[in-house]
Amino acid sequence: MKISEWLDSKEAENIDVSQIELPGNMAYIEDPDETIFYKEVKPCGLFCTRNHPFSTVERFGHWYYCRGQDKEAGIHSSEMKWKLFTRDRDLALRTAKEHIE
């Protein structure tokens, strides 16, 4: 089952899917149809492999999955992670940009 189909089925069950956890490895099995936005704050250099604040918006069918780590968390932190599923492209982009600026 595709992510968009699974979200549709949960929404049909009157479940709020905006903050839902995807089951198992579903997020790793399916590649997004497109990545609409990605920004990472990485002042320590290209080859640093530690955690950095980022925001991304990926489209799965008619759903947008935006996620990231707040810029306020700081460099190399694993705190302040966030996510949002929505059908509203503008809301997804606005949310992602707000968390990284």
C-alpha atoms as a PDB file:
ATOM      1  CA  MET A   1       0.000   0.000   0.000  1.00  0.00           C
ATOM      2  CA  LYS A   2       1.282   3.464  -0.893  1.00  0.00           C
ATOM      3  CA  ILE A   3       1.664   6.189   1.715  1.00  0.00           C
ATOM      4  CA  SER A   4      -1.046   8.328   0.099  1.00  0.00           C
ATOM      5  CA  GLU A   5      -3.492   5.398   0.095  1.00  0.00           C
ATOM      6  CA  TRP A   6      -2.715   4.605   3.733  1.00  0.00           C
ATOM      7  CA  LEU A   7      -3.254   8.258   4.741  1.00  0.00           C
ATOM      8  CA  ASP A   8      -6.537   8.330   2.791  1.00  0.00           C
ATOM      9  CA  SER A   9      -7.728   5.201   4.617  1.00  0.00           C
ATOM     10  CA  LYS A  10      -6.845   6.671   8.024  1.00  0.00           C
ATOM     11  CA  GLU A  11      -8.563   9.928   7.147  1.00  0.00           C
ATOM     12  CA  ALA A  12     -11.663   7.933   6.112  1.00  0.00           C
ATOM     13  CA  GLU A  13     -11.630   6.458   9.641  1.00  0.00           C
ATOM     14  CA  ASN A  14     -11.826  10.054  10.972  1.00  0.00           C
ATOM     15  CA  ILE A  15      -8.273   9.925  12.306  1.00  0.00           C
ATOM     16  CA  ASP A  16      -6.269  13.161  12.385  1.00  0.00           C
ATOM     17  CA  VAL A  17      -3.359  12.289  10.113  1.00  0.00           C
ATOM     18  CA  SER A  18      -1.468  15.571  10.472  1.00  0.00           C
ATOM     19  CA  GLN A  19       0.897  14.135  13.115  1.00  0.00           C
ATOM     20  CA  ILE A  20       0.462  10.392  12.488  1.00  0.00           C
ATOM     21  CA  GLU A  21       3.388   7.964  12.633  1.00  0.00           C
ATOM     22  CA  LEU A  22       3.879   5.872   9.519  1.00  0.00           C
ATOM     23  CA  PRO A  23       3.867   2.143  10.242  1.00  0.00           C
ATOM     24  CA  GLY A  24       7.104   0.160  10.158  1.00  0.00           C
ATOM     25  CA  ASN A  25       9.380   0.926   7.264  1.00  0.00           C
ATOM     26  CA  MET A  26       6.705   2.495   5.062  1.00  0.00           C
ATOM     27  CA  ALA A  27       8.621   5.794   4.857  1.00  0.00           C
ATOM     28  CA  TYR A  28      11.778   3.973   3.756  1.00  0.00           C
ATOM     29  CA  ILE A  29      10.158   1.640   1.219  1.00  0.00           C
ATOM     30  CA  GLU A  30       8.481   4.298  -0.918  1.00  0.00           C
ATOM     31  CA  ASP A  31      10.378   7.173  -2.491  1.00  0.00           C
ATOM     32  CA  PRO A  32       8.546  10.496  -2.682  1.00  0.00           C
ATOM     33  CA  ASP A  33       7.049  11.504  -6.024  1.00  0.00           C
ATOM     34  CA  GLU A  34       9.020  14.730  -5.693  1.00  0.00           C
ATOM     35  CA  THR A  35      10.942  16.787  -3.172  1.00  0.00           C
ATOM     36  CA  ILE A  36       9.497  20.274  -3.240  1.00  0.00           C
ATOM     37  CA  PHE A  37      11.732  21.964  -0.681  1.00  0.00           C
ATOM     38  CA  TYR A  38      14.918  21.144   1.215  1.00  0.00           C
ATOM     39  CA  LYS A  39      17.152  23.362   3.289  1.00  0.00           C
ATOM     40  CA  GLU A  40      19.831  22.437   5.809  1.00  0.00           C
ATOM     41  CA  VAL A  41      21.858  24.657   8.130  1.00  0.00           C
ATOM     42  CA  LYS A  42      25.358  23.178   8.094  1.00  0.00           C
ATOM     43  CA  PRO A  43      27.968  25.825   8.952  1.00  0.00           C
ATOM     44  CA  CYS A  44      30.559  23.254  10.083  1.00  0.00           C
ATOM     45  CA  GLY A  45      31.287  22.051   6.570  1.00  0.00           C
ATOM     46  CA  LEU A  46      30.268  19.645   3.853  1.00  0.00           C
ATOM     47  CA  PHE A  47      31.861  16.544   5.373  1.00  0.00           C
ATOM     48  CA  CYS A  48      30.356  16.834   8.882  1.00  0.00           C
ATOM     49  CA  THR A  49      28.154  13.798   9.556  1.00  0.00           C
ATOM     50  CA  ARG A  50      26.511  15.032  12.762  1.00  0.00           C
ATOM     51  CA  ASN A  51      22.917  16.323  13.137  1.00  0.00           C
ATOM     52  CA  HIS A  52      22.022  19.667  11.598  1.00  0.00           C
ATOM     53  CA  PRO A  53      18.785  21.677  11.483  1.00  0.00           C
ATOM     54  CA  PHE A  54      16.837  21.003   8.284  1.00  0.00           C
ATOM     55  CA  SER A  55      13.418  21.293   6.672  1.00  0.00           C
ATOM     56  CA  THR A  56      12.016  19.316   3.793  1.00  0.00           C
ATOM     57  CA  VAL A  57       8.704  18.939   1.968  1.00  0.00           C
ATOM     58  CA  GLU A  58       8.105  15.747  -0.004  1.00  0.00           C
ATOM     59  CA  ARG A  59       5.038  14.862  -2.053  1.00  0.00           C
ATOM     60  CA  PHE A  60       3.482  11.397  -1.901  1.00  0.00           C
ATOM     61  CA  GLY A  61       0.554  11.396  -4.317  1.00  0.00           C
ATOM     62  CA  HIS A  62      -1.735  14.228  -3.187  1.00  0.00           C
ATOM     63  CA  TRP A  63      -0.197  14.366   0.318  1.00  0.00           C
ATOM     64  CA  TYR A  64       2.677  16.563   1.424  1.00  0.00           C
ATOM     65  CA  TYR A  65       4.996  15.342   4.159  1.00  0.00           C
ATOM     66  CA  CYS A  66       6.984  18.124   5.736  1.00  0.00           C
ATOM     67  CA  ARG A  67       9.461  17.368   8.471  1.00  0.00           C
ATOM     68  CA  GLY A  68      12.686  18.533   9.956  1.00  0.00           C
ATOM     69  CA  GLN A  69      14.529  19.809  12.957  1.00  0.00           C
ATOM     70  CA  ASP A  70      14.101  23.399  14.155  1.00  0.00           C
ATOM     71  CA  LYS A  71      16.951  25.793  13.576  1.00  0.00           C
ATOM     72  CA  GLU A  72      16.522  26.827  17.221  1.00  0.00           C
ATOM     73  CA  ALA A  73      17.701  23.352  18.294  1.00  0.00           C
ATOM     74  CA  GLY A  74      21.204  24.329  17.267  1.00  0.00           C
ATOM     75  CA  ILE A  75      23.991  22.579  15.429  1.00  0.00           C
ATOM     76  CA  HIS A  76      24.598  18.880  16.253  1.00  0.00           C
ATOM     77  CA  SER A  77      21.434  18.618  18.358  1.00  0.00           C
ATOM     78  CA  SER A  78      18.904  15.826  18.091  1.00  0.00           C
ATOM     79  CA  GLU A  79      16.120  17.855  19.743  1.00  0.00           C
ATOM     80  CA  MET A  80      13.110  19.754  18.368  1.00  0.00           C
ATOM     81  CA  LYS A  81      12.161  17.409  15.520  1.00  0.00           C
ATOM     82  CA  TRP A  82       8.801  18.062  13.877  1.00  0.00           C
ATOM     83  CA  LYS A  83       6.545  16.691  11.113  1.00  0.00           C
ATOM     84  CA  LEU A  84       3.270  17.416   9.353  1.00  0.00           C
ATOM     85  CA  PHE A  85       1.133  15.582   6.796  1.00  0.00           C
ATOM     86  CA  THR A  86      -1.206  17.795   4.782  1.00  0.00           C
ATOM     87  CA  ARG A  87      -2.890  18.039   1.404  1.00  0.00           C
ATOM     88  CA  ASP A  88      -2.195  21.794   1.345  1.00  0.00           C
ATOM     89  CA  ARG A  89       1.020  22.512  -0.575  1.00  0.00           C
ATOM     90  CA  ASP A  90       1.199  26.144   0.572  1.00  0.00           C
ATOM     91  CA  LEU A  91       0.794  25.164   4.230  1.00  0.00           C
ATOM     92  CA  ALA A  92       3.523  22.537   3.887  1.00  0.00           C
ATOM     93  CA  LEU A  93       5.979  24.996   2.315  1.00  0.00           C
ATOM     94  CA  ARG A  94       5.154  27.769   4.779  1.00  0.00           C
ATOM     95  CA  THR A  95       5.597  25.394   7.752  1.00  0.00           C
ATOM     96  CA  ALA A  96       8.926  24.060   6.504  1.00  0.00           C
ATOM     97  CA  LYS A  97      10.313  27.539   5.861  1.00  0.00           C
ATOM     98  CA  GLU A  98       9.167  28.851   9.261  1.00  0.00           C
ATOM     99  CA  HIS A  99      11.014  26.067  11.080  1.00  0.00           C
ATOM    100  CA  ILE A 100      14.334  26.675   9.308  1.00  0.00           C
ATOM    101  CA  GLU A 101      14.431  30.486   9.193  1.00  0.00           C
END
